[in-house]
Amino acid sequence: MSCCDSKCLPAGSLCRSGNGIVKIRKSGIFAKYFCSTQNLEGNRPIMVFAESEFMRANIPSYVPGQAYAVFYAEMKVIPDTDENIDWKAELGLYKDANCFFRVSSDGHYYTATTKRMFSEPLTGCVVFGVCQIFPPRNKPNSPTQIFFTMDGKQIDKTILMTEDVDLLPHIIVKNCNAEVNFGMDDTKPFTYDIGKHEAAYDN
């Protein structure tokens, strides 16, 4: 995948135009931001998507019909140690420009139509989490639920969606690195205890 006609990134080089870039390392879980080699204006927020959506079709057939299906992921934000560097990190779920949900290191929660503050701007390492909960198969009219976490605690309220939408987990980084955890490694447990989360039955 390339961002322009130069196609310099697949070769493992830096951007020929001097822009900041993101490289994915360690089996796709570590995003390393390389700052511009020419000027600060070349450091822009860069969006990185997961390979597959959180979607109802991905729920294994062996999951009982009365069980909720939970898809959860976390991102550890590792900002630059230089306090003068303007950095940014966001984690969320994305369908298109008209349908997305995101939390940001600037202390705001974003959707396509809203912007809401949940904290002061963050100044150091933080762990964001995003979860999508699908209702049981025996409750097809129940809403899908989305919520976010920060450093092991839920932030803001649970979002209830009546529309069945396939959403891609994604991150946005600028001048910072990020390590993503999809729960595939038992030696790296989630910061948030997802096993103790209770689904919101009504809101």
N, C-alpha and C. Protein backbone atom coordinates (compact mmCIF):
# COMPACT_ATOMS: atom_id res chain seq x y z
N MET A 1 0.85 -1.18 0.00
CA MET A 1 0.00 0.00 0.00
C MET A 1 0.89 1.24 0.00
N SER A 2 0.58 2.22 -0.82
CA SER A 2 1.41 3.41 -0.94
C SER A 2 0.56 4.66 -0.81
N CYS A 3 1.21 5.76 -0.41
CA CYS A 3 0.47 7.01 -0.21
C CYS A 3 0.61 7.96 -1.40
N CYS A 4 1.47 7.63 -2.36
CA CYS A 4 1.62 8.49 -3.53
C CYS A 4 2.23 7.67 -4.67
N ASP A 5 2.53 8.30 -5.78
CA ASP A 5 3.05 7.59 -6.95
C ASP A 5 4.51 7.14 -6.79
N SER A 6 5.20 7.68 -5.78
CA SER A 6 6.61 7.33 -5.61
C SER A 6 6.80 5.87 -5.21
N LYS A 7 5.85 5.33 -4.45
CA LYS A 7 5.89 3.93 -4.01
C LYS A 7 7.23 3.59 -3.36
N CYS A 8 7.68 4.47 -2.46
CA CYS A 8 8.98 4.25 -1.83
C CYS A 8 8.89 3.41 -0.56
N LEU A 9 7.71 3.34 0.07
CA LEU A 9 7.62 2.66 1.35
C LEU A 9 7.78 1.15 1.27
N PRO A 10 7.23 0.45 0.26
CA PRO A 10 7.44 -0.99 0.22
C PRO A 10 8.90 -1.41 0.17
N ALA A 11 9.74 -0.53 -0.33
CA ALA A 11 11.17 -0.84 -0.43
C ALA A 11 11.88 -0.70 0.92
N GLY A 12 11.15 -0.23 1.94
CA GLY A 12 11.73 -0.11 3.26
C GLY A 12 12.42 1.21 3.52
N SER A 13 12.31 2.14 2.59
CA SER A 13 12.97 3.43 2.76
C SER A 13 12.05 4.42 3.44
N LEU A 14 12.59 5.59 3.73
CA LEU A 14 11.78 6.69 4.24
C LEU A 14 11.10 7.38 3.07
N CYS A 15 10.18 8.28 3.37
CA CYS A 15 9.46 9.00 2.32
C CYS A 15 10.42 9.87 1.53
N ARG A 16 10.38 9.77 0.21
CA ARG A 16 11.27 10.56 -0.64
C ARG A 16 10.93 12.03 -0.60
N SER A 17 9.69 12.34 -0.20
CA SER A 17 9.29 13.75 -0.09
C SER A 17 9.57 14.31 1.30
N GLY A 18 10.11 13.48 2.18
CA GLY A 18 10.47 13.95 3.51
C GLY A 18 9.34 13.97 4.51
N ASN A 19 8.20 13.38 4.18
CA ASN A 19 7.07 13.37 5.11
C ASN A 19 7.25 12.33 6.20
N GLY A 20 6.58 12.55 7.34
CA GLY A 20 6.56 11.56 8.39
C GLY A 20 5.81 10.33 7.92
N ILE A 21 6.24 9.15 8.36
CA ILE A 21 5.60 7.90 7.94
C ILE A 21 5.43 6.97 9.14
N VAL A 22 4.61 5.95 8.96
CA VAL A 22 4.45 4.90 9.97
C VAL A 22 4.89 3.58 9.36
N LYS A 23 5.68 2.82 10.12
CA LYS A 23 6.05 1.47 9.71
C LYS A 23 5.54 0.49 10.75
N ILE A 24 5.01 -0.63 10.27
CA ILE A 24 4.44 -1.64 11.15
C ILE A 24 5.48 -2.73 11.40
N ARG A 25 5.69 -3.04 12.69
CA ARG A 25 6.71 -4.01 13.06
C ARG A 25 6.12 -5.08 13.99
N LYS A 26 6.93 -6.07 14.31
CA LYS A 26 6.58 -7.13 15.26
C LYS A 26 5.24 -7.77 14.94
N SER A 27 5.16 -8.39 13.80
CA SER A 27 3.97 -9.13 13.39
C SER A 27 2.71 -8.27 13.37
N GLY A 28 2.88 -7.01 13.07
CA GLY A 28 1.73 -6.14 12.89
C GLY A 28 1.17 -5.52 14.14
N ILE A 29 1.86 -5.63 15.29
CA ILE A 29 1.30 -5.07 16.51
C ILE A 29 1.98 -3.78 16.96
N PHE A 30 3.10 -3.40 16.34
CA PHE A 30 3.82 -2.20 16.75
C PHE A 30 3.90 -1.22 15.59
N ALA A 31 3.39 -0.01 15.82
CA ALA A 31 3.42 1.04 14.81
C ALA A 31 4.48 2.07 15.20
N LYS A 32 5.51 2.20 14.39
CA LYS A 32 6.61 3.13 14.65
C LYS A 32 6.47 4.34 13.75
N TYR A 33 6.38 5.53 14.38
CA TYR A 33 6.25 6.77 13.61
C TYR A 33 7.64 7.36 13.37
N PHE A 34 7.99 7.54 12.10
CA PHE A 34 9.25 8.18 11.73
C PHE A 34 8.94 9.62 11.33
N CYS A 35 9.49 10.57 12.07
CA CYS A 35 9.19 11.98 11.83
C CYS A 35 9.78 12.45 10.50
N SER A 36 9.27 13.57 10.04
CA SER A 36 9.72 14.16 8.79
C SER A 36 11.22 14.41 8.82
N THR A 37 11.87 14.16 7.71
CA THR A 37 13.30 14.42 7.59
C THR A 37 13.57 15.84 7.09
N GLN A 38 12.50 16.62 6.86
CA GLN A 38 12.69 17.95 6.30
C GLN A 38 12.08 19.06 7.15
N ASN A 39 10.82 18.91 7.59
CA ASN A 39 10.20 19.98 8.36
C ASN A 39 9.05 19.43 9.19
N LEU A 40 8.66 20.18 10.22
CA LEU A 40 7.60 19.74 11.11
C LEU A 40 6.26 19.64 10.40
N GLU A 41 6.07 20.44 9.34
CA GLU A 41 4.81 20.39 8.61
C GLU A 41 4.61 19.04 7.93
N GLY A 42 5.70 18.30 7.75
CA GLY A 42 5.60 16.99 7.13
C GLY A 42 5.11 15.90 8.07
N ASN A 43 4.99 16.24 9.37
CA ASN A 43 4.50 15.28 10.35
C ASN A 43 2.99 15.41 10.49
N ARG A 44 2.28 14.51 9.88
CA ARG A 44 0.83 14.57 9.88
C ARG A 44 0.26 13.33 10.58
N PRO A 45 -0.99 13.43 11.07
CA PRO A 45 -1.64 12.23 11.62
C PRO A 45 -1.79 11.17 10.53
N ILE A 46 -1.46 9.93 10.85
CA ILE A 46 -1.54 8.83 9.89
C ILE A 46 -2.46 7.75 10.45
N MET A 47 -3.42 7.31 9.64
CA MET A 47 -4.38 6.29 10.05
C MET A 47 -3.92 4.91 9.59
N VAL A 48 -3.98 3.94 10.51
CA VAL A 48 -3.60 2.56 10.22
C VAL A 48 -4.77 1.66 10.58
N PHE A 49 -5.18 0.79 9.64
CA PHE A 49 -6.33 -0.09 9.85
C PHE A 49 -5.89 -1.51 10.18
N ALA A 50 -6.73 -2.20 10.95
CA ALA A 50 -6.56 -3.64 11.15
C ALA A 50 -6.90 -4.37 9.86
N GLU A 51 -6.49 -5.62 9.76
CA GLU A 51 -6.72 -6.38 8.53
C GLU A 51 -8.18 -6.80 8.36
N SER A 52 -8.91 -6.96 9.46
CA SER A 52 -10.30 -7.41 9.34
C SER A 52 -11.19 -6.65 10.31
N GLU A 53 -12.49 -6.63 9.98
CA GLU A 53 -13.46 -5.89 10.77
C GLU A 53 -13.87 -6.65 12.03
N PHE A 54 -14.43 -5.87 12.99
CA PHE A 54 -15.23 -6.48 14.03
C PHE A 54 -16.60 -6.68 13.38
N MET A 55 -17.01 -7.90 13.13
CA MET A 55 -18.25 -8.11 12.39
C MET A 55 -18.97 -9.36 12.88
N ARG A 56 -20.28 -9.34 12.73
CA ARG A 56 -21.11 -10.45 13.19
C ARG A 56 -20.72 -11.76 12.49
N ALA A 57 -20.32 -11.66 11.23
CA ALA A 57 -19.98 -12.86 10.46
C ALA A 57 -18.74 -13.56 11.01
N ASN A 58 -17.92 -12.86 11.80
CA ASN A 58 -16.71 -13.47 12.36
C ASN A 58 -16.96 -14.22 13.66
N ILE A 59 -18.19 -14.21 14.15
CA ILE A 59 -18.49 -14.91 15.39
C ILE A 59 -18.47 -16.42 15.11
N PRO A 60 -17.65 -17.18 15.83
CA PRO A 60 -17.56 -18.63 15.58
C PRO A 60 -18.91 -19.32 15.77
N SER A 61 -19.15 -20.35 14.99
CA SER A 61 -20.44 -21.05 15.03
C SER A 61 -20.66 -21.78 16.35
N TYR A 62 -19.57 -22.08 17.08
CA TYR A 62 -19.73 -22.81 18.34
C TYR A 62 -20.17 -21.91 19.50
N VAL A 63 -20.20 -20.58 19.30
CA VAL A 63 -20.67 -19.68 20.35
C VAL A 63 -22.16 -19.92 20.56
N PRO A 64 -22.60 -20.16 21.80
CA PRO A 64 -24.01 -20.44 22.07
C PRO A 64 -24.93 -19.32 21.59
N GLY A 65 -26.11 -19.68 21.16
CA GLY A 65 -27.05 -18.71 20.62
C GLY A 65 -27.51 -17.67 21.61
N GLN A 66 -27.36 -17.94 22.92
CA GLN A 66 -27.78 -16.99 23.94
C GLN A 66 -26.62 -16.15 24.48
N ALA A 67 -25.43 -16.30 23.88
CA ALA A 67 -24.24 -15.61 24.39
C ALA A 67 -23.93 -14.34 23.60
N TYR A 68 -23.45 -13.32 24.31
CA TYR A 68 -22.94 -12.11 23.67
C TYR A 68 -21.55 -12.40 23.11
N ALA A 69 -21.23 -11.83 21.97
CA ALA A 69 -19.90 -11.98 21.36
C ALA A 69 -19.14 -10.67 21.51
N VAL A 70 -17.93 -10.77 22.06
CA VAL A 70 -17.15 -9.58 22.40
C VAL A 70 -15.88 -9.52 21.56
N PHE A 71 -15.67 -8.40 20.89
CA PHE A 71 -14.42 -8.12 20.19
C PHE A 71 -13.78 -6.91 20.87
N TYR A 72 -12.55 -7.08 21.35
CA TYR A 72 -11.89 -6.02 22.12
C TYR A 72 -10.44 -5.90 21.69
N ALA A 73 -9.93 -4.68 21.71
CA ALA A 73 -8.52 -4.42 21.38
C ALA A 73 -8.03 -3.23 22.19
N GLU A 74 -6.74 -3.21 22.45
CA GLU A 74 -6.14 -2.09 23.18
C GLU A 74 -4.95 -1.53 22.40
N MET A 75 -4.64 -0.28 22.69
CA MET A 75 -3.48 0.38 22.10
C MET A 75 -2.71 1.09 23.20
N LYS A 76 -1.45 0.74 23.35
CA LYS A 76 -0.57 1.46 24.27
C LYS A 76 0.11 2.58 23.50
N VAL A 77 -0.11 3.81 23.95
CA VAL A 77 0.46 4.98 23.28
C VAL A 77 1.81 5.31 23.90
N ILE A 78 2.82 5.46 23.06
CA ILE A 78 4.18 5.76 23.53
C ILE A 78 4.62 7.07 22.90
N PRO A 79 4.39 8.20 23.59
CA PRO A 79 4.72 9.50 22.99
C PRO A 79 6.21 9.76 22.98
N ASP A 80 6.62 10.72 22.17
CA ASP A 80 8.01 11.14 22.10
C ASP A 80 8.41 11.76 23.43
N THR A 81 9.65 11.51 23.86
CA THR A 81 10.11 12.05 25.13
C THR A 81 10.38 13.55 25.07
N ASP A 82 10.47 14.10 23.88
CA ASP A 82 10.66 15.54 23.71
C ASP A 82 9.35 16.26 23.99
N GLU A 83 9.29 17.04 25.08
CA GLU A 83 8.05 17.70 25.47
C GLU A 83 7.60 18.75 24.46
N ASN A 84 8.50 19.17 23.59
CA ASN A 84 8.15 20.19 22.60
C ASN A 84 7.52 19.60 21.34
N ILE A 85 7.50 18.27 21.26
CA ILE A 85 6.92 17.61 20.10
C ILE A 85 5.39 17.55 20.24
N ASP A 86 4.69 17.99 19.23
CA ASP A 86 3.23 17.94 19.20
C ASP A 86 2.80 16.55 18.75
N TRP A 87 2.29 15.73 19.68
CA TRP A 87 1.92 14.36 19.34
C TRP A 87 0.43 14.13 19.50
N LYS A 88 -0.03 13.05 18.87
CA LYS A 88 -1.45 12.73 18.91
C LYS A 88 -1.64 11.24 18.69
N ALA A 89 -2.62 10.65 19.37
CA ALA A 89 -2.94 9.24 19.17
C ALA A 89 -4.44 9.03 19.35
N GLU A 90 -5.03 8.22 18.49
CA GLU A 90 -6.46 7.92 18.57
C GLU A 90 -6.68 6.43 18.29
N LEU A 91 -7.74 5.90 18.89
CA LEU A 91 -8.13 4.51 18.68
C LEU A 91 -9.63 4.47 18.45
N GLY A 92 -10.07 3.63 17.51
CA GLY A 92 -11.51 3.57 17.30
C GLY A 92 -11.94 2.51 16.31
N LEU A 93 -13.19 2.66 15.88
CA LEU A 93 -13.82 1.77 14.90
C LEU A 93 -14.30 2.62 13.74
N TYR A 94 -14.14 2.11 12.53
CA TYR A 94 -14.37 2.94 11.34
C TYR A 94 -15.07 2.15 10.24
N LYS A 95 -16.13 2.75 9.70
CA LYS A 95 -16.75 2.24 8.48
C LYS A 95 -16.41 3.16 7.32
N ASP A 96 -16.73 4.44 7.48
CA ASP A 96 -16.40 5.46 6.48
C ASP A 96 -16.46 6.82 7.17
N ALA A 97 -16.32 7.89 6.39
CA ALA A 97 -16.30 9.23 6.98
C ALA A 97 -17.61 9.60 7.66
N ASN A 98 -18.67 8.87 7.36
CA ASN A 98 -19.97 9.14 7.96
C ASN A 98 -20.31 8.22 9.12
N CYS A 99 -19.42 7.29 9.42
CA CYS A 99 -19.68 6.34 10.51
C CYS A 99 -18.36 5.90 11.13
N PHE A 100 -18.00 6.53 12.24
CA PHE A 100 -16.81 6.12 12.99
C PHE A 100 -16.96 6.53 14.45
N PHE A 101 -16.16 5.89 15.30
CA PHE A 101 -16.16 6.15 16.74
C PHE A 101 -14.70 6.12 17.19
N ARG A 102 -14.29 7.14 17.97
CA ARG A 102 -12.87 7.28 18.24
C ARG A 102 -12.63 8.02 19.56
N VAL A 103 -11.59 7.62 20.30
CA VAL A 103 -11.12 8.38 21.45
C VAL A 103 -9.73 8.90 21.13
N SER A 104 -9.40 10.06 21.69
CA SER A 104 -8.16 10.73 21.31
C SER A 104 -7.36 11.17 22.53
N SER A 105 -6.06 11.26 22.33
CA SER A 105 -5.18 11.76 23.39
C SER A 105 -5.42 13.23 23.69
N ASP A 106 -6.18 13.92 22.86
CA ASP A 106 -6.51 15.32 23.17
C ASP A 106 -7.64 15.41 24.19
N GLY A 107 -8.11 14.24 24.68
CA GLY A 107 -9.14 14.23 25.71
C GLY A 107 -10.56 14.24 25.19
N HIS A 108 -10.73 14.02 23.90
CA HIS A 108 -12.07 14.07 23.32
C HIS A 108 -12.47 12.71 22.72
N TYR A 109 -13.78 12.53 22.69
CA TYR A 109 -14.40 11.39 22.04
C TYR A 109 -15.06 11.90 20.77
N TYR A 110 -14.82 11.22 19.65
CA TYR A 110 -15.31 11.70 18.36
C TYR A 110 -16.20 10.67 17.67
N THR A 111 -17.25 11.17 17.01
CA THR A 111 -17.98 10.40 16.02
C THR A 111 -18.10 11.29 14.79
N ALA A 112 -18.81 10.81 13.78
CA ALA A 112 -18.98 11.63 12.57
C ALA A 112 -19.78 12.89 12.85
N THR A 113 -20.56 12.88 13.94
CA THR A 113 -21.45 14.02 14.21
C THR A 113 -21.23 14.68 15.55
N THR A 114 -20.40 14.10 16.42
CA THR A 114 -20.23 14.66 17.76
C THR A 114 -18.76 14.76 18.16
N LYS A 115 -18.50 15.64 19.11
CA LYS A 115 -17.20 15.78 19.74
C LYS A 115 -17.47 16.07 21.21
N ARG A 116 -16.97 15.21 22.10
CA ARG A 116 -17.28 15.34 23.51
C ARG A 116 -16.02 15.13 24.34
N MET A 117 -15.80 15.97 25.33
CA MET A 117 -14.60 15.90 26.16
C MET A 117 -14.78 14.87 27.28
N PHE A 118 -13.77 14.02 27.49
CA PHE A 118 -13.82 13.06 28.59
C PHE A 118 -12.68 13.26 29.58
N SER A 119 -11.66 14.05 29.21
CA SER A 119 -10.56 14.33 30.13
C SER A 119 -9.75 15.50 29.60
N GLU A 120 -8.81 15.96 30.40
CA GLU A 120 -7.84 16.94 29.93
C GLU A 120 -6.91 16.26 28.92
N PRO A 121 -6.25 17.03 28.05
CA PRO A 121 -5.30 16.41 27.12
C PRO A 121 -4.26 15.58 27.86
N LEU A 122 -3.91 14.43 27.31
CA LEU A 122 -2.99 13.51 27.96
C LEU A 122 -1.55 13.92 27.70
N THR A 123 -0.68 13.61 28.66
CA THR A 123 0.70 14.07 28.56
C THR A 123 1.73 12.94 28.58
N GLY A 124 1.31 11.71 28.74
CA GLY A 124 2.26 10.61 28.81
C GLY A 124 1.68 9.33 28.26
N CYS A 125 2.33 8.21 28.58
CA CYS A 125 1.87 6.91 28.10
C CYS A 125 0.45 6.64 28.61
N VAL A 126 -0.35 6.05 27.76
CA VAL A 126 -1.73 5.72 28.11
C VAL A 126 -2.14 4.48 27.32
N VAL A 127 -3.07 3.72 27.87
CA VAL A 127 -3.60 2.54 27.18
C VAL A 127 -5.08 2.77 26.89
N PHE A 128 -5.41 2.89 25.62
CA PHE A 128 -6.80 3.01 25.19
C PHE A 128 -7.32 1.62 24.81
N GLY A 129 -8.62 1.41 24.99
CA GLY A 129 -9.25 0.18 24.56
C GLY A 129 -10.56 0.47 23.85
N VAL A 130 -10.93 -0.39 22.90
CA VAL A 130 -12.20 -0.25 22.20
C VAL A 130 -12.86 -1.62 22.12
N CYS A 131 -14.18 -1.65 22.34
CA CYS A 131 -14.90 -2.92 22.36
C CYS A 131 -16.19 -2.81 21.57
N GLN A 132 -16.50 -3.85 20.83
CA GLN A 132 -17.79 -3.98 20.16
C GLN A 132 -18.42 -5.29 20.61
N ILE A 133 -19.63 -5.20 21.15
CA ILE A 133 -20.34 -6.37 21.67
C ILE A 133 -21.56 -6.64 20.80
N PHE A 134 -21.60 -7.83 20.22
CA PHE A 134 -22.74 -8.23 19.40
C PHE A 134 -23.75 -8.98 20.26
N PRO A 135 -25.05 -8.72 20.06
CA PRO A 135 -26.08 -9.39 20.86
C PRO A 135 -26.17 -10.87 20.51
N PRO A 136 -26.78 -11.67 21.38
CA PRO A 136 -26.95 -13.10 21.10
C PRO A 136 -27.76 -13.33 19.83
N ARG A 137 -27.52 -14.46 19.21
CA ARG A 137 -28.26 -14.79 17.99
C ARG A 137 -29.75 -14.94 18.25
N ASN A 138 -30.11 -15.28 19.50
CA ASN A 138 -31.53 -15.43 19.80
C ASN A 138 -32.18 -14.09 20.16
N LYS A 139 -31.40 -12.99 20.04
CA LYS A 139 -31.94 -11.64 20.24
C LYS A 139 -31.53 -10.77 19.05
N PRO A 140 -31.99 -11.09 17.86
CA PRO A 140 -31.53 -10.40 16.65
C PRO A 140 -31.87 -8.92 16.60
N ASN A 141 -32.85 -8.47 17.37
CA ASN A 141 -33.24 -7.06 17.35
C ASN A 141 -32.56 -6.23 18.43
N SER A 142 -31.74 -6.87 19.25
CA SER A 142 -31.01 -6.13 20.29
C SER A 142 -29.87 -5.33 19.66
N PRO A 143 -29.51 -4.18 20.26
CA PRO A 143 -28.48 -3.33 19.66
C PRO A 143 -27.07 -3.88 19.85
N THR A 144 -26.21 -3.54 18.93
CA THR A 144 -24.77 -3.76 19.10
C THR A 144 -24.25 -2.67 20.03
N GLN A 145 -23.27 -3.02 20.87
CA GLN A 145 -22.75 -2.07 21.86
C GLN A 145 -21.29 -1.75 21.58
N ILE A 146 -20.93 -0.50 21.79
CA ILE A 146 -19.55 -0.04 21.64
C ILE A 146 -19.18 0.76 22.88
N PHE A 147 -18.00 0.49 23.42
CA PHE A 147 -17.51 1.33 24.52
C PHE A 147 -15.99 1.42 24.45
N PHE A 148 -15.45 2.40 25.17
CA PHE A 148 -14.02 2.65 25.19
C PHE A 148 -13.49 2.57 26.62
N THR A 149 -12.19 2.28 26.73
CA THR A 149 -11.53 2.25 28.03
C THR A 149 -10.25 3.07 27.98
N MET A 150 -9.79 3.47 29.15
CA MET A 150 -8.50 4.16 29.26
C MET A 150 -7.84 3.71 30.55
N ASP A 151 -6.64 3.17 30.44
CA ASP A 151 -5.88 2.68 31.59
C ASP A 151 -6.70 1.76 32.48
N GLY A 152 -7.45 0.86 31.84
CA GLY A 152 -8.17 -0.17 32.59
C GLY A 152 -9.54 0.20 33.10
N LYS A 153 -10.05 1.38 32.74
CA LYS A 153 -11.38 1.79 33.19
C LYS A 153 -12.21 2.27 32.01
N GLN A 154 -13.51 1.97 32.05
CA GLN A 154 -14.39 2.43 30.97
C GLN A 154 -14.53 3.94 31.01
N ILE A 155 -14.51 4.56 29.85
CA ILE A 155 -14.72 6.00 29.75
C ILE A 155 -15.95 6.26 28.90
N ASP A 156 -16.64 7.32 29.24
CA ASP A 156 -17.85 7.72 28.54
C ASP A 156 -18.89 6.59 28.64
N LYS A 157 -20.02 6.78 28.01
CA LYS A 157 -21.11 5.81 28.13
C LYS A 157 -21.05 4.79 26.99
N THR A 158 -21.75 3.69 27.19
CA THR A 158 -21.85 2.67 26.14
C THR A 158 -22.75 3.18 25.02
N ILE A 159 -22.30 2.97 23.79
CA ILE A 159 -23.06 3.38 22.61
C ILE A 159 -23.89 2.19 22.14
N LEU A 160 -25.16 2.42 21.88
CA LEU A 160 -26.04 1.37 21.38
C LEU A 160 -26.37 1.63 19.92
N MET A 161 -26.09 0.65 19.06
CA MET A 161 -26.33 0.78 17.62
C MET A 161 -27.38 -0.23 17.17
N THR A 162 -28.45 0.25 16.61
CA THR A 162 -29.49 -0.66 16.10
C THR A 162 -29.15 -1.18 14.71
N GLU A 163 -28.31 -0.44 13.99
CA GLU A 163 -27.90 -0.86 12.64
C GLU A 163 -26.74 -1.84 12.72
N ASP A 164 -26.78 -2.90 11.94
CA ASP A 164 -25.71 -3.89 11.91
C ASP A 164 -24.62 -3.40 10.96
N VAL A 165 -23.52 -2.89 11.52
CA VAL A 165 -22.45 -2.29 10.73
C VAL A 165 -21.13 -3.00 11.00
N ASP A 166 -20.40 -3.34 9.94
CA ASP A 166 -19.06 -3.90 10.07
C ASP A 166 -18.07 -2.76 10.23
N LEU A 167 -17.30 -2.79 11.32
CA LEU A 167 -16.40 -1.68 11.64
C LEU A 167 -14.97 -2.17 11.75
N LEU A 168 -14.06 -1.42 11.15
CA LEU A 168 -12.63 -1.74 11.20
C LEU A 168 -11.97 -1.07 12.39
N PRO A 169 -11.28 -1.84 13.25
CA PRO A 169 -10.44 -1.20 14.26
C PRO A 169 -9.33 -0.41 13.57
N HIS A 170 -9.00 0.74 14.11
CA HIS A 170 -7.96 1.55 13.49
C HIS A 170 -7.31 2.43 14.54
N ILE A 171 -6.12 2.89 14.23
CA ILE A 171 -5.43 3.86 15.07
C ILE A 171 -5.02 5.05 14.21
N ILE A 172 -4.84 6.19 14.86
CA ILE A 172 -4.28 7.37 14.22
C ILE A 172 -3.12 7.83 15.10
N VAL A 173 -1.95 8.00 14.52
CA VAL A 173 -0.79 8.44 15.28
C VAL A 173 -0.09 9.60 14.59
N LYS A 174 0.46 10.46 15.41
CA LYS A 174 1.29 11.57 14.92
C LYS A 174 2.40 11.80 15.94
N ASN A 175 3.64 11.68 15.50
CA ASN A 175 4.80 11.91 16.36
C ASN A 175 4.80 11.04 17.62
N CYS A 176 4.26 9.84 17.52
CA CYS A 176 4.30 8.91 18.65
C CYS A 176 4.21 7.49 18.12
N ASN A 177 4.57 6.53 18.96
CA ASN A 177 4.49 5.13 18.59
C ASN A 177 3.30 4.48 19.29
N ALA A 178 2.89 3.33 18.81
CA ALA A 178 1.75 2.64 19.41
C ALA A 178 1.95 1.13 19.32
N GLU A 179 1.58 0.45 20.40
CA GLU A 179 1.60 -1.01 20.43
C GLU A 179 0.17 -1.51 20.60
N VAL A 180 -0.28 -2.35 19.69
CA VAL A 180 -1.67 -2.80 19.66
C VAL A 180 -1.76 -4.22 20.21
N ASN A 181 -2.80 -4.47 21.00
CA ASN A 181 -3.03 -5.79 21.59
C ASN A 181 -4.43 -6.27 21.23
N PHE A 182 -4.51 -7.36 20.45
CA PHE A 182 -5.79 -7.96 20.10
C PHE A 182 -6.10 -9.19 20.95
N GLY A 183 -5.32 -9.40 22.01
CA GLY A 183 -5.57 -10.52 22.90
C GLY A 183 -5.11 -11.86 22.37
N MET A 184 -4.17 -11.86 21.45
CA MET A 184 -3.70 -13.11 20.84
C MET A 184 -2.56 -13.75 21.63
N ASP A 185 -1.97 -13.01 22.58
CA ASP A 185 -0.82 -13.50 23.33
C ASP A 185 -1.18 -13.53 24.82
N ASP A 186 -1.25 -14.73 25.39
CA ASP A 186 -1.64 -14.88 26.79
C ASP A 186 -0.64 -14.24 27.75
N THR A 187 0.58 -14.01 27.29
CA THR A 187 1.58 -13.39 28.16
C THR A 187 1.43 -11.87 28.22
N LYS A 188 0.52 -11.34 27.39
CA LYS A 188 0.27 -9.89 27.38
C LYS A 188 -1.22 -9.63 27.59
N PRO A 189 -1.68 -9.76 28.84
CA PRO A 189 -3.11 -9.57 29.11
C PRO A 189 -3.55 -8.13 28.89
N PHE A 190 -4.86 -7.95 28.67
CA PHE A 190 -5.40 -6.61 28.53
C PHE A 190 -5.28 -5.85 29.85
N THR A 191 -5.15 -4.54 29.75
CA THR A 191 -5.17 -3.69 30.93
C THR A 191 -6.57 -3.67 31.54
N TYR A 192 -7.58 -3.64 30.68
CA TYR A 192 -8.98 -3.68 31.13
C TYR A 192 -9.40 -5.14 31.30
N ASP A 193 -10.05 -5.44 32.42
CA ASP A 193 -10.50 -6.82 32.67
C ASP A 193 -11.81 -7.05 31.92
N ILE A 194 -11.69 -7.40 30.65
CA ILE A 194 -12.86 -7.54 29.79
C ILE A 194 -13.76 -8.68 30.27
N GLY A 195 -13.21 -9.65 30.98
CA GLY A 195 -14.00 -10.77 31.47
C GLY A 195 -15.03 -10.37 32.51
N LYS A 196 -14.82 -9.22 33.17
CA LYS A 196 -15.75 -8.75 34.19
C LYS A 196 -16.72 -7.70 33.67
N HIS A 197 -16.62 -7.37 32.39
CA HIS A 197 -17.51 -6.35 31.84
C HIS A 197 -18.93 -6.89 31.73
N GLU A 198 -19.90 -6.06 32.10
CA GLU A 198 -21.30 -6.44 31.99
C GLU A 198 -21.94 -5.68 30.83
N ALA A 199 -22.56 -6.41 29.94
CA ALA A 199 -23.21 -5.79 28.78
C ALA A 199 -24.33 -4.87 29.24
N ALA A 200 -24.51 -3.77 28.51
CA ALA A 200 -25.58 -2.83 28.82
C ALA A 200 -26.86 -3.32 28.15
N TYR A 201 -27.82 -3.71 28.95
CA TYR A 201 -29.06 -4.26 28.39
C TYR A 201 -30.01 -3.18 27.91
N ASP A 202 -29.96 -2.05 28.53
CA ASP A 202 -30.72 -0.89 28.06
C ASP A 202 -29.99 0.34 28.54
N ASN A 203 -30.24 1.48 27.89
CA ASN A 203 -29.47 2.69 28.18
C ASN A 203 -30.36 3.91 28.05
